[in-house]
Amino acid sequence: MTWNLVSKARFGLFYVVFVTIILEKVNASTFVREATGRPRSTSVFSLCTQGRGQEGRSTMNILTYASQVSISPPFWGISLYKGTQSHANMMSDKVGVLALLPEKFNLDAVKVLGNESGKDVDKEARLRHLGVPVEKVEVEGAGALTVPSEASQLIVLRVDESKPVVDVGDHDFFMCSPVAYYASSSQYSALTTRHLREFGII
């Protein structure tokens, strides 16, 4: 996969335009909670982290609680399930790569990333076994992180240590700053939680 680096100055506006284009490809009614109680649809990401130190281990997860929460500065907010390897890695390394998954992404791989623990399995090996291509991306302060090659975009996020990590129940909320943004040379519609519901994954 070829990704193009987007300058930080254009990052916020570029992301807003990019997501607007994606949302236009999805039925607008899926983004509104209907009278039947149907939840809105959100993009599906994988957070890719390396992990250093005694408990460190490279892993990838499924993340739907992720959004840009301001334009200037372009902060991102992500919520991570407590007790996971991804949570431990972000607490220790303070950096990860947020990969927006395409609609065509292997659904068995989604189950691996979302249902299996990085503490117990090598997710890179599991994805390769499923025929899902992955590759390494060099991230300053974290080394080479494994990411899905089919990702529509990559956003390198660094935890803003001036902001507290907020306990929100079974998750912790992290405020992050984007330090690099890569857009895929190919155009894909995004995988959303609506697709996961349709296939009975959630």
C-alpha atoms as a PDB file:
ATOM      1  CA  MET A   1       0.000   0.000   0.000  1.00  0.00           C
ATOM      2  CA  THR A   2       1.180   3.530  -0.761  1.00  0.00           C
ATOM      3  CA  TRP A   3       0.281   6.249   1.748  1.00  0.00           C
ATOM      4  CA  ASN A   4       0.857   9.934   1.156  1.00  0.00           C
ATOM      5  CA  LEU A   5       2.007  12.124   4.069  1.00  0.00           C
ATOM      6  CA  VAL A   6      -0.364  15.040   4.652  1.00  0.00           C
ATOM      7  CA  SER A   7       1.222  18.190   6.088  1.00  0.00           C
ATOM      8  CA  LYS A   8       0.276  19.004   9.672  1.00  0.00           C
ATOM      9  CA  ALA A   9      -0.965  22.445   8.611  1.00  0.00           C
ATOM     10  CA  ARG A  10      -3.578  20.860   6.382  1.00  0.00           C
ATOM     11  CA  PHE A  11      -4.347  17.936   8.654  1.00  0.00           C
ATOM     12  CA  GLY A  12      -7.514  19.168  10.366  1.00  0.00           C
ATOM     13  CA  LEU A  13      -9.235  20.424   7.220  1.00  0.00           C
ATOM     14  CA  PHE A  14      -8.104  17.414   5.179  1.00  0.00           C
ATOM     15  CA  TYR A  15      -9.557  15.004   7.718  1.00  0.00           C
ATOM     16  CA  VAL A  16     -12.892  16.842   7.867  1.00  0.00           C
ATOM     17  CA  VAL A  17     -13.152  16.772   4.055  1.00  0.00           C
ATOM     18  CA  PHE A  18     -12.063  13.119   3.884  1.00  0.00           C
ATOM     19  CA  VAL A  19     -14.624  11.939   6.430  1.00  0.00           C
ATOM     20  CA  THR A  20     -17.347  14.045   4.790  1.00  0.00           C
ATOM     21  CA  ILE A  21     -16.711  12.226   1.506  1.00  0.00           C
ATOM     22  CA  ILE A  22     -16.877   8.846   3.266  1.00  0.00           C
ATOM     23  CA  LEU A  23     -20.108   9.688   5.067  1.00  0.00           C
ATOM     24  CA  GLU A  24     -21.737  10.728   1.815  1.00  0.00           C
ATOM     25  CA  LYS A  25     -21.292   7.126   0.631  1.00  0.00           C
ATOM     26  CA  VAL A  26     -23.320   5.760   3.543  1.00  0.00           C
ATOM     27  CA  ASN A  27     -27.065   6.131   3.904  1.00  0.00           C
ATOM     28  CA  ALA A  28     -27.566   9.204   6.070  1.00  0.00           C
ATOM     29  CA  SER A  29     -30.316   7.492   8.030  1.00  0.00           C
ATOM     30  CA  THR A  30     -27.733   5.171   9.608  1.00  0.00           C
ATOM     31  CA  PHE A  31     -26.203   8.154  11.398  1.00  0.00           C
ATOM     32  CA  VAL A  32     -29.336   9.012  13.321  1.00  0.00           C
ATOM     33  CA  ARG A  33     -30.784   7.048  16.216  1.00  0.00           C
ATOM     34  CA  GLU A  34     -34.208   6.081  14.970  1.00  0.00           C
ATOM     35  CA  ALA A  35     -37.400   5.751  17.001  1.00  0.00           C
ATOM     36  CA  THR A  36     -36.784   1.994  17.069  1.00  0.00           C
ATOM     37  CA  GLY A  37     -33.631   2.615  19.111  1.00  0.00           C
ATOM     38  CA  ARG A  38     -31.240   1.733  16.299  1.00  0.00           C
ATOM     39  CA  PRO A  39     -27.834   3.266  17.181  1.00  0.00           C
ATOM     40  CA  ARG A  40     -25.987   5.527  14.816  1.00  0.00           C
ATOM     41  CA  SER A  41     -23.131   4.137  12.739  1.00  0.00           C
ATOM     42  CA  THR A  42     -19.500   5.037  13.376  1.00  0.00           C
ATOM     43  CA  SER A  43     -16.219   4.338  11.612  1.00  0.00           C
ATOM     44  CA  VAL A  44     -14.223   1.266  12.578  1.00  0.00           C
ATOM     45  CA  PHE A  45     -10.527   1.736  13.323  1.00  0.00           C
ATOM     46  CA  SER A  46      -7.682  -0.442  14.482  1.00  0.00           C
ATOM     47  CA  LEU A  47      -5.278   1.072  16.999  1.00  0.00           C
ATOM     48  CA  CYS A  48      -1.797  -0.302  16.392  1.00  0.00           C
ATOM     49  CA  THR A  49       0.644  -0.097  19.308  1.00  0.00           C
ATOM     50  CA  GLN A  50       4.100  -1.441  20.030  1.00  0.00           C
ATOM     51  CA  GLY A  51       4.529  -1.607  23.770  1.00  0.00           C
ATOM     52  CA  ARG A  52       7.870  -1.399  25.513  1.00  0.00           C
ATOM     53  CA  GLY A  53       9.056  -2.449  28.923  1.00  0.00           C
ATOM     54  CA  GLN A  54       8.217  -5.566  30.890  1.00  0.00           C
ATOM     55  CA  GLU A  55       4.589  -5.823  29.753  1.00  0.00           C
ATOM     56  CA  GLY A  56       5.087  -4.458  26.246  1.00  0.00           C
ATOM     57  CA  ARG A  57       3.896  -6.377  23.219  1.00  0.00           C
ATOM     58  CA  SER A  58       2.946  -5.245  19.743  1.00  0.00           C
ATOM     59  CA  THR A  59      -0.768  -5.529  19.071  1.00  0.00           C
ATOM     60  CA  MET A  60      -3.718  -4.250  17.043  1.00  0.00           C
ATOM     61  CA  ASN A  61      -7.313  -3.923  18.200  1.00  0.00           C
ATOM     62  CA  ILE A  62     -10.737  -2.803  16.987  1.00  0.00           C
ATOM     63  CA  LEU A  63     -11.650   0.714  18.050  1.00  0.00           C
ATOM     64  CA  THR A  64     -14.950   2.494  17.450  1.00  0.00           C
ATOM     65  CA  TYR A  65     -14.652   5.064  20.243  1.00  0.00           C
ATOM     66  CA  ALA A  66     -12.364   7.411  18.304  1.00  0.00           C
ATOM     67  CA  SER A  67     -12.993  10.871  16.913  1.00  0.00           C
ATOM     68  CA  GLN A  68     -11.353  14.187  16.189  1.00  0.00           C
ATOM     69  CA  VAL A  69     -12.783  16.439  18.910  1.00  0.00           C
ATOM     70  CA  SER A  70     -11.407  19.860  17.885  1.00  0.00           C
ATOM     71  CA  ILE A  71      -9.975  21.628  14.851  1.00  0.00           C
ATOM     72  CA  SER A  72      -7.425  23.988  16.400  1.00  0.00           C
ATOM     73  CA  PRO A  73      -5.539  22.245  17.840  1.00  0.00           C
ATOM     74  CA  PRO A  74      -6.776  19.057  16.126  1.00  0.00           C
ATOM     75  CA  PHE A  75      -7.105  16.909  19.237  1.00  0.00           C
ATOM     76  CA  TRP A  76      -8.386  13.349  19.003  1.00  0.00           C
ATOM     77  CA  GLY A  77     -10.214  11.469  21.737  1.00  0.00           C
ATOM     78  CA  ILE A  78     -10.021   7.676  22.039  1.00  0.00           C
ATOM     79  CA  SER A  79     -11.476   5.310  24.651  1.00  0.00           C
ATOM     80  CA  LEU A  80      -9.691   2.045  25.391  1.00  0.00           C
ATOM     81  CA  TYR A  81     -11.017  -0.947  27.284  1.00  0.00           C
ATOM     82  CA  LYS A  82      -9.210  -1.370  30.583  1.00  0.00           C
ATOM     83  CA  GLY A  83      -7.022  -4.420  31.039  1.00  0.00           C
ATOM     84  CA  THR A  84      -6.192  -4.821  27.349  1.00  0.00           C
ATOM     85  CA  GLN A  85      -2.733  -4.877  25.775  1.00  0.00           C
ATOM     86  CA  SER A  86      -3.627  -1.795  23.721  1.00  0.00           C
ATOM     87  CA  HIS A  87      -4.520   0.088  26.905  1.00  0.00           C
ATOM     88  CA  ALA A  88      -1.258  -0.973  28.583  1.00  0.00           C
ATOM     89  CA  ASN A  89       0.775   0.045  25.529  1.00  0.00           C
ATOM     90  CA  MET A  90      -0.791   3.498  25.323  1.00  0.00           C
ATOM     91  CA  MET A  91      -0.249   4.020  29.039  1.00  0.00           C
ATOM     92  CA  SER A  92       3.457   3.129  28.706  1.00  0.00           C
ATOM     93  CA  ASP A  93       4.442   4.359  25.229  1.00  0.00           C
ATOM     94  CA  LYS A  94       1.919   7.194  24.817  1.00  0.00           C
ATOM     95  CA  VAL A  95       1.825   6.650  21.038  1.00  0.00           C
ATOM     96  CA  GLY A  96      -0.053   4.527  18.503  1.00  0.00           C
ATOM     97  CA  VAL A  97      -1.211   4.445  14.893  1.00  0.00           C
ATOM     98  CA  LEU A  98      -4.939   4.750  14.269  1.00  0.00           C
ATOM     99  CA  ALA A  99      -5.812   2.881  11.064  1.00  0.00           C
ATOM    100  CA  LEU A 100      -9.180   3.483   9.386  1.00  0.00           C
ATOM    101  CA  LEU A 101     -10.373   0.120   8.071  1.00  0.00           C
ATOM    102  CA  PRO A 102     -11.972  -0.179   4.624  1.00  0.00           C
ATOM    103  CA  GLU A 103     -15.433  -1.647   4.050  1.00  0.00           C
ATOM    104  CA  LYS A 104     -13.885  -4.644   2.276  1.00  0.00           C
ATOM    105  CA  PHE A 105     -11.713  -5.547   5.275  1.00  0.00           C
ATOM    106  CA  ASN A 106     -11.681  -9.258   6.146  1.00  0.00           C
ATOM    107  CA  LEU A 107     -14.437  -9.837   8.710  1.00  0.00           C
ATOM    108  CA  ASP A 108     -12.651 -12.802  10.271  1.00  0.00           C
ATOM    109  CA  ALA A 109      -9.749 -10.428  10.872  1.00  0.00           C
ATOM    110  CA  VAL A 110     -12.146  -8.005  12.567  1.00  0.00           C
ATOM    111  CA  LYS A 111     -13.107 -10.811  14.953  1.00  0.00           C
ATOM    112  CA  VAL A 112      -9.447 -11.560  15.686  1.00  0.00           C
ATOM    113  CA  LEU A 113      -8.622  -7.911  16.352  1.00  0.00           C
ATOM    114  CA  GLY A 114     -11.751  -7.322  18.418  1.00  0.00           C
ATOM    115  CA  ASN A 115     -12.324 -10.580  20.276  1.00  0.00           C
ATOM    116  CA  GLU A 116      -8.847 -11.989  20.913  1.00  0.00           C
ATOM    117  CA  SER A 117      -6.402 -10.516  23.394  1.00  0.00           C
ATOM    118  CA  GLY A 118      -2.980  -9.277  22.363  1.00  0.00           C
ATOM    119  CA  LYS A 119      -1.790 -10.617  25.723  1.00  0.00           C
ATOM    120  CA  ASP A 120      -2.513 -14.158  24.565  1.00  0.00           C
ATOM    121  CA  VAL A 121      -2.013 -14.224  20.786  1.00  0.00           C
ATOM    122  CA  ASP A 122       0.268 -12.731  18.144  1.00  0.00           C
ATOM    123  CA  LYS A 123      -2.262 -10.767  16.108  1.00  0.00           C
ATOM    124  CA  GLU A 124       0.169 -10.031  13.306  1.00  0.00           C
ATOM    125  CA  ALA A 125       0.671 -13.769  12.816  1.00  0.00           C
ATOM    126  CA  ARG A 126      -3.079 -14.388  13.045  1.00  0.00           C
ATOM    127  CA  LEU A 127      -3.784 -11.798  10.330  1.00  0.00           C
ATOM    128  CA  ARG A 128      -1.099 -13.201   8.056  1.00  0.00           C
ATOM    129  CA  HIS A 129      -2.628 -16.668   8.531  1.00  0.00           C
ATOM    130  CA  LEU A 130      -5.955 -15.249   7.312  1.00  0.00           C
ATOM    131  CA  GLY A 131      -4.257 -13.767   4.250  1.00  0.00           C
ATOM    132  CA  VAL A 132      -4.641 -10.187   5.495  1.00  0.00           C
ATOM    133  CA  PRO A 133      -1.600  -8.122   4.444  1.00  0.00           C
ATOM    134  CA  VAL A 134       0.220  -6.125   7.117  1.00  0.00           C
ATOM    135  CA  GLU A 135       3.322  -3.962   7.029  1.00  0.00           C
ATOM    136  CA  LYS A 136       5.597  -1.925   9.269  1.00  0.00           C
ATOM    137  CA  VAL A 137       5.397   1.842   9.711  1.00  0.00           C
ATOM    138  CA  GLU A 138       8.226   3.673  11.467  1.00  0.00           C
ATOM    139  CA  VAL A 139       6.914   5.885  14.268  1.00  0.00           C
ATOM    140  CA  GLU A 140       9.205   8.202  16.202  1.00  0.00           C
ATOM    141  CA  GLY A 141       9.340   7.120  19.807  1.00  0.00           C
ATOM    142  CA  ALA A 142       7.713   3.751  19.157  1.00  0.00           C
ATOM    143  CA  GLY A 143       9.809   2.062  16.480  1.00  0.00           C
ATOM    144  CA  ALA A 144       8.214   0.005  13.707  1.00  0.00           C
ATOM    145  CA  LEU A 145       4.489  -0.563  14.248  1.00  0.00           C
ATOM    146  CA  THR A 146       2.539  -3.239  12.388  1.00  0.00           C
ATOM    147  CA  VAL A 147      -0.511  -1.874  10.550  1.00  0.00           C
ATOM    148  CA  PRO A 148      -3.075  -3.379   8.140  1.00  0.00           C
ATOM    149  CA  SER A 149      -1.851  -2.681   4.600  1.00  0.00           C
ATOM    150  CA  GLU A 150      -5.409  -2.078   3.383  1.00  0.00           C
ATOM    151  CA  ALA A 151      -6.069   0.826   5.785  1.00  0.00           C
ATOM    152  CA  SER A 152      -7.654   3.854   4.131  1.00  0.00           C
ATOM    153  CA  GLN A 153      -5.725   6.265   6.330  1.00  0.00           C
ATOM    154  CA  LEU A 154      -3.185   6.198   9.131  1.00  0.00           C
ATOM    155  CA  ILE A 155      -3.054   8.752  11.939  1.00  0.00           C
ATOM    156  CA  VAL A 156      -0.136   8.717  14.348  1.00  0.00           C
ATOM    157  CA  LEU A 157      -1.509   9.733  17.744  1.00  0.00           C
ATOM    158  CA  ARG A 158       0.506  10.765  20.774  1.00  0.00           C
ATOM    159  CA  VAL A 159      -1.147  10.984  24.201  1.00  0.00           C
ATOM    160  CA  ASP A 160      -1.185  14.587  25.440  1.00  0.00           C
ATOM    161  CA  GLU A 161       0.386  14.198  28.876  1.00  0.00           C
ATOM    162  CA  SER A 162      -0.866  17.642  29.921  1.00  0.00           C
ATOM    163  CA  LYS A 163      -4.393  16.209  29.834  1.00  0.00           C
ATOM    164  CA  PRO A 164      -5.572  13.611  32.369  1.00  0.00           C
ATOM    165  CA  VAL A 165      -6.549  10.081  31.362  1.00  0.00           C
ATOM    166  CA  VAL A 166     -10.229  10.007  32.325  1.00  0.00           C
ATOM    167  CA  ASP A 167     -11.898   6.989  33.911  1.00  0.00           C
ATOM    168  CA  VAL A 168     -15.188   6.474  32.053  1.00  0.00           C
ATOM    169  CA  GLY A 169     -16.230   3.134  33.514  1.00  0.00           C
ATOM    170  CA  ASP A 170     -14.938   0.050  31.728  1.00  0.00           C
ATOM    171  CA  HIS A 171     -12.870   2.301  29.433  1.00  0.00           C
ATOM    172  CA  ASP A 172     -10.286   5.050  29.922  1.00  0.00           C
ATOM    173  CA  PHE A 173     -10.472   8.167  27.750  1.00  0.00           C
ATOM    174  CA  PHE A 174      -7.222   9.498  26.251  1.00  0.00           C
ATOM    175  CA  MET A 175      -6.761  12.931  24.681  1.00  0.00           C
ATOM    176  CA  CYS A 176      -4.242  12.694  21.855  1.00  0.00           C
ATOM    177  CA  SER A 177      -2.452  14.947  19.402  1.00  0.00           C
ATOM    178  CA  PRO A 178      -1.982  13.818  15.775  1.00  0.00           C
ATOM    179  CA  VAL A 179       1.695  14.005  14.838  1.00  0.00           C
ATOM    180  CA  ALA A 180       1.458  12.541  11.320  1.00  0.00           C
ATOM    181  CA  TYR A 181      -1.293  11.654   8.888  1.00  0.00           C
ATOM    182  CA  TYR A 182      -1.091   9.367   5.879  1.00  0.00           C
ATOM    183  CA  ALA A 183      -3.809   9.050   3.231  1.00  0.00           C
ATOM    184  CA  SER A 184      -4.011   5.922   1.087  1.00  0.00           C
ATOM    185  CA  SER A 185      -3.315   6.231  -2.619  1.00  0.00           C
ATOM    186  CA  SER A 186      -6.444   4.094  -3.121  1.00  0.00           C
ATOM    187  CA  GLN A 187      -9.973   5.253  -2.334  1.00  0.00           C
ATOM    188  CA  TYR A 188     -12.083   2.976  -0.148  1.00  0.00           C
ATOM    189  CA  SER A 189     -15.417   3.317   1.573  1.00  0.00           C
ATOM    190  CA  ALA A 190     -14.952   3.000   5.320  1.00  0.00           C
ATOM    191  CA  LEU A 191     -15.967   0.000   7.402  1.00  0.00           C
ATOM    192  CA  THR A 192     -18.646   1.094   9.870  1.00  0.00           C
ATOM    193  CA  THR A 193     -20.453  -0.376  12.850  1.00  0.00           C
ATOM    194  CA  ARG A 194     -23.512  -0.691  10.615  1.00  0.00           C
ATOM    195  CA  HIS A 195     -21.617  -3.261   8.536  1.00  0.00           C
ATOM    196  CA  LEU A 196     -20.575  -5.119  11.692  1.00  0.00           C
ATOM    197  CA  ARG A 197     -24.198  -5.253  12.882  1.00  0.00           C
ATOM    198  CA  GLU A 198     -25.370  -6.526   9.503  1.00  0.00           C
ATOM    199  CA  PHE A 199     -22.887  -9.413   9.694  1.00  0.00           C
ATOM    200  CA  GLY A 200     -23.737 -10.179  13.335  1.00  0.00           C
ATOM    201  CA  ILE A 201     -20.316  -9.253  14.692  1.00  0.00           C
ATOM    202  CA  ILE A 202     -21.752  -6.741  17.171  1.00  0.00           C
END
